[in-house]
Amino acid sequence: MTRNVVISGGGTGIGLAAAHAFAAGGDRVLLLGRRREVLEKAGVPGALTYAGDLSEPEVVRGVARFVAEEFGTVDVLVHSAGGNGTLEPASGGDALDAVAHDWTVNFRINTLSAALLTEALRTRLAEPGGRVLFVSSIAAYRGSGSGAYGGAKAALHPYAHDLARDLGPRGITVNVVAPGYIEDTEFFGPEIAEARRDRMIRDTSTGRAGTPGDIAATLHWLASPGAGHVTSQVIQVNGGAERGH
């Protein structure tokens, strides 16, 4: 059966890999993201696109109207949008201004965007069988340097648990995937220091970096009928790095 799948952050990295995985299974996919040109170059067969900043309520209202017209019902909602704020303009001012900017940006792009989109599409989730999936991070457990990114991702966890309890009676599951170091994404910028890369790989028990495909496969399984009794969980997909070494 063809499903309707909405993926935020669907133009690059994990979101794009997930989009290809769902499209390959015959599902209809809608890619959401801030950069129209990136979405248009994504190359996902048959995918629809909608560009806008999902931390803006009016943009999300537009997404909801678009979904109502094109899909009607949403079978799978994947929240892959986010990041550490490197695509945002730098802040001015003193050190406190920089802290305020860092925390505000990370909350807006990682937490608020996911909450707004979920609430806008809540009544359109398929019942039974709907799936809501959040992409969090190992940083929610092990920190992120400044704390802002990890804190913003960690905020998704209690929200997901609340949603799971609320939506469960409608036959809808809600889960979180927490990746570790994933190569071939924009998160670390155009190049990562070799020493940092080696350290993150040594933290794993598998001895390798993760790939977008690793996360996409987990998301695809969580959206399957076989995962119908899995809800309110945070699935660690980081080669055991969350456990530490």
C-alpha atoms as a PDB file:
ATOM      1  CA  MET A   1       0.000   0.000   0.000  1.00  0.00           C
ATOM      2  CA  THR A   2       1.316   3.421  -0.961  1.00  0.00           C
ATOM      3  CA  ARG A   3       1.817   5.708   2.021  1.00  0.00           C
ATOM      4  CA  ASN A   4       2.110   9.478   2.289  1.00  0.00           C
ATOM      5  CA  VAL A   5       5.429  10.447   3.896  1.00  0.00           C
ATOM      6  CA  VAL A   6       6.425  13.955   4.988  1.00  0.00           C
ATOM      7  CA  ILE A   7      10.132  14.517   5.696  1.00  0.00           C
ATOM      8  CA  SER A   8      11.562  17.748   7.077  1.00  0.00           C
ATOM      9  CA  GLY A   9      15.184  18.378   6.207  1.00  0.00           C
ATOM     10  CA  GLY A  10      14.566  16.116   3.233  1.00  0.00           C
ATOM     11  CA  GLY A  11      17.014  17.724   0.836  1.00  0.00           C
ATOM     12  CA  THR A  12      20.295  16.546   2.351  1.00  0.00           C
ATOM     13  CA  GLY A  13      21.941  13.982   4.603  1.00  0.00           C
ATOM     14  CA  ILE A  14      19.753  11.747   6.745  1.00  0.00           C
ATOM     15  CA  GLY A  15      16.497  13.251   5.502  1.00  0.00           C
ATOM     16  CA  LEU A  16      17.456  12.696   1.885  1.00  0.00           C
ATOM     17  CA  ALA A  17      18.535   9.104   2.565  1.00  0.00           C
ATOM     18  CA  ALA A  18      15.213   8.489   4.299  1.00  0.00           C
ATOM     19  CA  ALA A  19      13.343  10.002   1.373  1.00  0.00           C
ATOM     20  CA  HIS A  20      15.058   7.620  -1.042  1.00  0.00           C
ATOM     21  CA  ALA A  21      14.296   4.667   1.230  1.00  0.00           C
ATOM     22  CA  PHE A  22      10.583   5.457   1.402  1.00  0.00           C
ATOM     23  CA  ALA A  23      10.316   6.307  -2.294  1.00  0.00           C
ATOM     24  CA  ALA A  24      12.028   3.037  -3.196  1.00  0.00           C
ATOM     25  CA  GLY A  25       9.261   1.234  -1.324  1.00  0.00           C
ATOM     26  CA  GLY A  26       6.622   2.939  -3.440  1.00  0.00           C
ATOM     27  CA  ASP A  27       5.610   5.649  -0.983  1.00  0.00           C
ATOM     28  CA  ARG A  28       4.687   9.237  -1.934  1.00  0.00           C
ATOM     29  CA  VAL A  29       7.160  11.660  -0.384  1.00  0.00           C
ATOM     30  CA  LEU A  30       7.009  15.357   0.433  1.00  0.00           C
ATOM     31  CA  LEU A  31      10.386  17.002   1.089  1.00  0.00           C
ATOM     32  CA  LEU A  32      10.478  20.048   3.349  1.00  0.00           C
ATOM     33  CA  GLY A  33      13.438  22.363   3.837  1.00  0.00           C
ATOM     34  CA  ARG A  34      14.556  25.977   3.910  1.00  0.00           C
ATOM     35  CA  ARG A  35      16.486  25.965   0.624  1.00  0.00           C
ATOM     36  CA  ARG A  36      14.319  25.536  -2.455  1.00  0.00           C
ATOM     37  CA  GLU A  37      17.268  24.885  -4.752  1.00  0.00           C
ATOM     38  CA  VAL A  38      18.492  22.034  -2.540  1.00  0.00           C
ATOM     39  CA  LEU A  39      15.069  20.389  -2.493  1.00  0.00           C
ATOM     40  CA  GLU A  40      14.719  20.674  -6.254  1.00  0.00           C
ATOM     41  CA  LYS A  41      18.081  18.945  -6.769  1.00  0.00           C
ATOM     42  CA  ALA A  42      17.351  16.127  -4.315  1.00  0.00           C
ATOM     43  CA  GLY A  43      16.541  13.650  -7.080  1.00  0.00           C
ATOM     44  CA  VAL A  44      13.954  11.611  -5.173  1.00  0.00           C
ATOM     45  CA  PRO A  45      11.657   9.969  -7.743  1.00  0.00           C
ATOM     46  CA  GLY A  46       8.190  11.493  -7.726  1.00  0.00           C
ATOM     47  CA  ALA A  47       8.810  13.612  -4.618  1.00  0.00           C
ATOM     48  CA  LEU A  48       6.937  16.839  -3.957  1.00  0.00           C
ATOM     49  CA  THR A  49       8.766  19.767  -2.358  1.00  0.00           C
ATOM     50  CA  TYR A  50       7.859  22.729  -0.155  1.00  0.00           C
ATOM     51  CA  ALA A  51      10.445  25.300   0.883  1.00  0.00           C
ATOM     52  CA  GLY A  52      10.283  27.407   4.021  1.00  0.00           C
ATOM     53  CA  ASP A  53      11.527  27.965   7.560  1.00  0.00           C
ATOM     54  CA  LEU A  54       9.600  25.498   9.734  1.00  0.00           C
ATOM     55  CA  SER A  55      10.235  27.550  12.856  1.00  0.00           C
ATOM     56  CA  GLU A  56       7.851  30.175  11.474  1.00  0.00           C
ATOM     57  CA  PRO A  57       4.172  29.433  12.292  1.00  0.00           C
ATOM     58  CA  GLU A  58       2.870  31.006   9.081  1.00  0.00           C
ATOM     59  CA  VAL A  59       5.204  28.843   6.973  1.00  0.00           C
ATOM     60  CA  VAL A  60       4.000  25.739   8.796  1.00  0.00           C
ATOM     61  CA  ARG A  61       0.390  26.777   8.206  1.00  0.00           C
ATOM     62  CA  GLY A  62       1.262  26.846   4.512  1.00  0.00           C
ATOM     63  CA  VAL A  63       2.755  23.358   4.754  1.00  0.00           C
ATOM     64  CA  ALA A  64      -0.417  22.115   6.437  1.00  0.00           C
ATOM     65  CA  ARG A  65      -2.571  23.539   3.641  1.00  0.00           C
ATOM     66  CA  PHE A  66      -0.294  21.990   1.016  1.00  0.00           C
ATOM     67  CA  VAL A  67      -0.444  18.605   2.730  1.00  0.00           C
ATOM     68  CA  ALA A  68      -4.225  18.805   2.940  1.00  0.00           C
ATOM     69  CA  GLU A  69      -4.464  19.467  -0.795  1.00  0.00           C
ATOM     70  CA  GLU A  70      -1.856  16.973  -1.999  1.00  0.00           C
ATOM     71  CA  PHE A  71      -2.005  14.141   0.552  1.00  0.00           C
ATOM     72  CA  GLY A  72      -4.983  14.480   2.838  1.00  0.00           C
ATOM     73  CA  THR A  73      -3.642  11.927   5.278  1.00  0.00           C
ATOM     74  CA  VAL A  74      -0.060  11.633   6.556  1.00  0.00           C
ATOM     75  CA  ASP A  75       1.068   8.083   7.211  1.00  0.00           C
ATOM     76  CA  VAL A  76       4.643   8.883   8.236  1.00  0.00           C
ATOM     77  CA  LEU A  77       6.069  12.151   9.553  1.00  0.00           C
ATOM     78  CA  VAL A  78       9.864  12.270   9.793  1.00  0.00           C
ATOM     79  CA  HIS A  79      11.570  15.182  11.553  1.00  0.00           C
ATOM     80  CA  SER A  80      15.083  15.323  10.142  1.00  0.00           C
ATOM     81  CA  ALA A  81      15.467  19.102   9.939  1.00  0.00           C
ATOM     82  CA  GLY A  82      17.902  20.724  12.325  1.00  0.00           C
ATOM     83  CA  GLY A  83      21.598  21.301  12.774  1.00  0.00           C
ATOM     84  CA  ASN A  84      24.002  23.236  14.938  1.00  0.00           C
ATOM     85  CA  GLY A  85      23.258  26.668  13.532  1.00  0.00           C
ATOM     86  CA  THR A  86      26.198  26.939  11.147  1.00  0.00           C
ATOM     87  CA  LEU A  87      23.876  27.991   8.312  1.00  0.00           C
ATOM     88  CA  GLU A  88      22.610  30.946  10.382  1.00  0.00           C
ATOM     89  CA  PRO A  89      24.152  34.445  10.225  1.00  0.00           C
ATOM     90  CA  ALA A  90      26.744  35.068  12.926  1.00  0.00           C
ATOM     91  CA  SER A  91      25.672  37.122  15.926  1.00  0.00           C
ATOM     92  CA  GLY A  92      27.152  40.464  16.913  1.00  0.00           C
ATOM     93  CA  GLY A  93      27.635  41.880  20.376  1.00  0.00           C
ATOM     94  CA  ASP A  94      29.476  40.501  23.376  1.00  0.00           C
ATOM     95  CA  ALA A  95      29.885  36.982  24.780  1.00  0.00           C
ATOM     96  CA  LEU A  96      26.422  36.933  26.352  1.00  0.00           C
ATOM     97  CA  ASP A  97      24.854  37.949  23.056  1.00  0.00           C
ATOM     98  CA  ALA A  98      26.664  35.037  21.434  1.00  0.00           C
ATOM     99  CA  VAL A  99      25.317  32.610  24.052  1.00  0.00           C
ATOM    100  CA  ALA A 100      21.775  33.907  23.599  1.00  0.00           C
ATOM    101  CA  HIS A 101      22.109  33.587  19.832  1.00  0.00           C
ATOM    102  CA  ASP A 102      23.518  30.044  19.988  1.00  0.00           C
ATOM    103  CA  TRP A 103      20.833  28.697  22.322  1.00  0.00           C
ATOM    104  CA  THR A 104      17.977  30.492  20.578  1.00  0.00           C
ATOM    105  CA  VAL A 105      19.004  29.343  17.105  1.00  0.00           C
ATOM    106  CA  ASN A 106      19.491  25.734  18.187  1.00  0.00           C
ATOM    107  CA  PHE A 107      16.134  25.611  19.960  1.00  0.00           C
ATOM    108  CA  ARG A 108      14.390  27.185  16.985  1.00  0.00           C
ATOM    109  CA  ILE A 109      15.779  24.916  14.270  1.00  0.00           C
ATOM    110  CA  ASN A 110      15.894  21.644  16.215  1.00  0.00           C
ATOM    111  CA  THR A 111      12.981  21.788  18.661  1.00  0.00           C
ATOM    112  CA  LEU A 112      10.453  24.446  17.746  1.00  0.00           C
ATOM    113  CA  SER A 113      10.393  23.479  14.069  1.00  0.00           C
ATOM    114  CA  ALA A 114       9.572  19.872  14.970  1.00  0.00           C
ATOM    115  CA  ALA A 115       6.882  20.843  17.466  1.00  0.00           C
ATOM    116  CA  LEU A 116       5.157  23.267  15.089  1.00  0.00           C
ATOM    117  CA  LEU A 117       5.097  20.797  12.208  1.00  0.00           C
ATOM    118  CA  THR A 118       3.818  17.981  14.413  1.00  0.00           C
ATOM    119  CA  GLU A 119       1.014  20.052  15.869  1.00  0.00           C
ATOM    120  CA  ALA A 120       0.034  21.386  12.447  1.00  0.00           C
ATOM    121  CA  LEU A 121      -0.284  17.864  11.029  1.00  0.00           C
ATOM    122  CA  ARG A 122      -1.515  16.082  14.169  1.00  0.00           C
ATOM    123  CA  THR A 123      -5.102  15.740  12.954  1.00  0.00           C
ATOM    124  CA  ARG A 124      -3.950  14.429   9.565  1.00  0.00           C
ATOM    125  CA  LEU A 125      -1.959  11.502  10.937  1.00  0.00           C
ATOM    126  CA  ALA A 126      -3.326   8.175   9.759  1.00  0.00           C
ATOM    127  CA  GLU A 127      -5.215   6.239  12.399  1.00  0.00           C
ATOM    128  CA  PRO A 128      -4.467   3.534  13.051  1.00  0.00           C
ATOM    129  CA  GLY A 129      -0.949   3.112  11.708  1.00  0.00           C
ATOM    130  CA  GLY A 130       0.433   6.640  11.732  1.00  0.00           C
ATOM    131  CA  ARG A 131       4.092   7.140  12.566  1.00  0.00           C
ATOM    132  CA  VAL A 132       5.906  10.175  13.991  1.00  0.00           C
ATOM    133  CA  LEU A 133       9.705   9.915  13.954  1.00  0.00           C
ATOM    134  CA  PHE A 134      12.226  12.388  15.366  1.00  0.00           C
ATOM    135  CA  VAL A 135      15.943  12.495  14.577  1.00  0.00           C
ATOM    136  CA  SER A 136      17.751  13.437  17.781  1.00  0.00           C
ATOM    137  CA  SER A 137      21.475  13.014  18.487  1.00  0.00           C
ATOM    138  CA  ILE A 138      24.028  11.323  20.679  1.00  0.00           C
ATOM    139  CA  ALA A 139      24.718  14.892  21.846  1.00  0.00           C
ATOM    140  CA  ALA A 140      21.499  14.722  23.866  1.00  0.00           C
ATOM    141  CA  TYR A 141      23.371  12.231  26.086  1.00  0.00           C
ATOM    142  CA  ARG A 142      27.023  13.196  25.777  1.00  0.00           C
ATOM    143  CA  GLY A 143      26.893  16.948  25.228  1.00  0.00           C
ATOM    144  CA  SER A 144      27.695  19.096  22.243  1.00  0.00           C
ATOM    145  CA  GLY A 145      30.411  21.525  23.272  1.00  0.00           C
ATOM    146  CA  SER A 146      28.339  24.585  24.090  1.00  0.00           C
ATOM    147  CA  GLY A 147      25.403  22.487  25.265  1.00  0.00           C
ATOM    148  CA  ALA A 148      22.970  24.330  23.010  1.00  0.00           C
ATOM    149  CA  TYR A 149      22.667  21.715  20.273  1.00  0.00           C
ATOM    150  CA  GLY A 150      22.533  18.770  22.686  1.00  0.00           C
ATOM    151  CA  GLY A 151      19.992  20.559  24.851  1.00  0.00           C
ATOM    152  CA  ALA A 152      17.764  21.317  21.868  1.00  0.00           C
ATOM    153  CA  LYS A 153      17.850  17.701  20.714  1.00  0.00           C
ATOM    154  CA  ALA A 154      17.263  16.393  24.242  1.00  0.00           C
ATOM    155  CA  ALA A 155      14.097  18.496  24.423  1.00  0.00           C
ATOM    156  CA  LEU A 156      12.605  16.323  21.693  1.00  0.00           C
ATOM    157  CA  HIS A 157      12.656  13.262  23.957  1.00  0.00           C
ATOM    158  CA  PRO A 158      10.024  14.271  26.535  1.00  0.00           C
ATOM    159  CA  TYR A 159       7.935  15.768  23.740  1.00  0.00           C
ATOM    160  CA  ALA A 160       8.024  12.439  21.909  1.00  0.00           C
ATOM    161  CA  HIS A 161       7.068  10.553  25.080  1.00  0.00           C
ATOM    162  CA  ASP A 162       4.125  12.908  25.677  1.00  0.00           C
ATOM    163  CA  LEU A 163       3.008  12.488  22.069  1.00  0.00           C
ATOM    164  CA  ALA A 164       3.264   8.703  22.300  1.00  0.00           C
ATOM    165  CA  ARG A 165       0.896   8.655  25.261  1.00  0.00           C
ATOM    166  CA  ASP A 166      -1.463  11.128  23.627  1.00  0.00           C
ATOM    167  CA  LEU A 167      -1.554   9.558  20.157  1.00  0.00           C
ATOM    168  CA  GLY A 168      -1.308   5.917  21.196  1.00  0.00           C
ATOM    169  CA  PRO A 169      -5.081   5.458  21.576  1.00  0.00           C
ATOM    170  CA  ARG A 170      -5.406   6.485  17.908  1.00  0.00           C
ATOM    171  CA  GLY A 171      -3.014   3.702  16.887  1.00  0.00           C
ATOM    172  CA  ILE A 172      -0.152   6.120  16.192  1.00  0.00           C
ATOM    173  CA  THR A 173       3.391   5.451  17.364  1.00  0.00           C
ATOM    174  CA  VAL A 174       6.058   8.044  18.170  1.00  0.00           C
ATOM    175  CA  ASN A 175       9.766   7.276  18.355  1.00  0.00           C
ATOM    176  CA  VAL A 176      13.167   8.958  18.334  1.00  0.00           C
ATOM    177  CA  VAL A 177      16.405   7.917  16.624  1.00  0.00           C
ATOM    178  CA  ALA A 178      19.677   9.181  18.130  1.00  0.00           C
ATOM    179  CA  PRO A 179      22.551   9.044  15.621  1.00  0.00           C
ATOM    180  CA  GLY A 180      26.205   9.452  16.474  1.00  0.00           C
ATOM    181  CA  TYR A 181      28.883  10.592  14.048  1.00  0.00           C
ATOM    182  CA  ILE A 182      27.345  10.395  10.565  1.00  0.00           C
ATOM    183  CA  GLU A 183      29.564  11.031   7.562  1.00  0.00           C
ATOM    184  CA  ASP A 184      28.414  12.630   4.315  1.00  0.00           C
ATOM    185  CA  THR A 185      26.183  15.241   5.931  1.00  0.00           C
ATOM    186  CA  GLU A 186      26.390  19.032   6.225  1.00  0.00           C
ATOM    187  CA  PHE A 187      26.495  18.919  10.019  1.00  0.00           C
ATOM    188  CA  PHE A 188      30.281  19.120  10.369  1.00  0.00           C
ATOM    189  CA  GLY A 189      30.724  21.552   7.508  1.00  0.00           C
ATOM    190  CA  PRO A 190      32.806  20.958   4.363  1.00  0.00           C
ATOM    191  CA  GLU A 191      35.630  19.211   6.245  1.00  0.00           C
ATOM    192  CA  ILE A 192      36.192  17.705   9.684  1.00  0.00           C
ATOM    193  CA  ALA A 193      39.571  17.571  11.408  1.00  0.00           C
ATOM    194  CA  GLU A 194      41.068  14.112  11.024  1.00  0.00           C
ATOM    195  CA  ALA A 195      41.890  13.859  14.737  1.00  0.00           C
ATOM    196  CA  ARG A 196      38.283  14.608  15.682  1.00  0.00           C
ATOM    197  CA  ARG A 197      36.986  12.098  13.150  1.00  0.00           C
ATOM    198  CA  ASP A 198      39.329   9.410  14.481  1.00  0.00           C
ATOM    199  CA  ARG A 199      38.269  10.129  18.072  1.00  0.00           C
ATOM    200  CA  MET A 200      34.570   9.797  17.266  1.00  0.00           C
ATOM    201  CA  ILE A 201      35.136   6.540  15.420  1.00  0.00           C
ATOM    202  CA  ARG A 202      37.190   5.177  18.330  1.00  0.00           C
ATOM    203  CA  ASP A 203      34.204   5.903  20.577  1.00  0.00           C
ATOM    204  CA  THR A 204      32.171   3.319  18.672  1.00  0.00           C
ATOM    205  CA  SER A 205      32.177  -0.415  19.256  1.00  0.00           C
ATOM    206  CA  THR A 206      31.833  -1.049  15.522  1.00  0.00           C
ATOM    207  CA  GLY A 207      34.973   0.837  14.528  1.00  0.00           C
ATOM    208  CA  ARG A 208      33.362   2.906  11.809  1.00  0.00           C
ATOM    209  CA  ALA A 209      31.469   6.110  11.165  1.00  0.00           C
ATOM    210  CA  GLY A 210      27.752   5.969  10.623  1.00  0.00           C
ATOM    211  CA  THR A 211      26.133   6.701   7.289  1.00  0.00           C
ATOM    212  CA  PRO A 212      22.859   8.410   6.392  1.00  0.00           C
ATOM    213  CA  GLY A 213      21.712   5.022   5.158  1.00  0.00           C
ATOM    214  CA  ASP A 214      22.108   3.545   8.648  1.00  0.00           C
ATOM    215  CA  ILE A 215      19.641   6.061  10.043  1.00  0.00           C
ATOM    216  CA  ALA A 216      17.307   5.882   7.064  1.00  0.00           C
ATOM    217  CA  ALA A 217      17.019   2.117   7.432  1.00  0.00           C
ATOM    218  CA  THR A 218      16.098   2.460  11.095  1.00  0.00           C
ATOM    219  CA  LEU A 219      13.500   5.121  10.343  1.00  0.00           C
ATOM    220  CA  HIS A 220      12.062   2.950   7.576  1.00  0.00           C
ATOM    221  CA  TRP A 221      11.747   0.003   9.961  1.00  0.00           C
ATOM    222  CA  LEU A 222      10.121   2.109  12.680  1.00  0.00           C
ATOM    223  CA  ALA A 223       7.549   3.154  10.081  1.00  0.00           C
ATOM    224  CA  SER A 224       6.817  -0.456   9.122  1.00  0.00           C
ATOM    225  CA  PRO A 225       3.937  -2.641  10.352  1.00  0.00           C
ATOM    226  CA  GLY A 226       6.520  -4.799  12.121  1.00  0.00           C
ATOM    227  CA  ALA A 227       7.292  -1.922  14.493  1.00  0.00           C
ATOM    228  CA  GLY A 228       3.658  -1.296  15.323  1.00  0.00           C
ATOM    229  CA  HIS A 229       4.129  -2.050  19.033  1.00  0.00           C
ATOM    230  CA  VAL A 230       7.303   0.033  19.378  1.00  0.00           C
ATOM    231  CA  THR A 231       6.567   3.493  20.725  1.00  0.00           C
ATOM    232  CA  SER A 232       7.955   6.115  23.123  1.00  0.00           C
ATOM    233  CA  GLN A 233      11.477   4.810  22.500  1.00  0.00           C
ATOM    234  CA  VAL A 234      14.829   6.465  21.797  1.00  0.00           C
ATOM    235  CA  ILE A 235      16.722   4.154  19.449  1.00  0.00           C
ATOM    236  CA  GLN A 236      20.500   4.578  19.630  1.00  0.00           C
ATOM    237  CA  VAL A 237      22.075   4.226  16.181  1.00  0.00           C
ATOM    238  CA  ASN A 238      25.634   5.294  16.908  1.00  0.00           C
ATOM    239  CA  GLY A 239      27.740   2.145  16.952  1.00  0.00           C
ATOM    240  CA  GLY A 240      27.571   1.974  20.735  1.00  0.00           C
ATOM    241  CA  ALA A 241      29.275   5.368  21.139  1.00  0.00           C
ATOM    242  CA  GLU A 242      26.526   6.581  23.456  1.00  0.00           C
ATOM    243  CA  ARG A 243      27.826   4.055  26.018  1.00  0.00           C
ATOM    244  CA  GLY A 244      31.273   5.609  25.898  1.00  0.00           C
ATOM    245  CA  HIS A 245      34.746   4.103  25.906  1.00  0.00           C
END
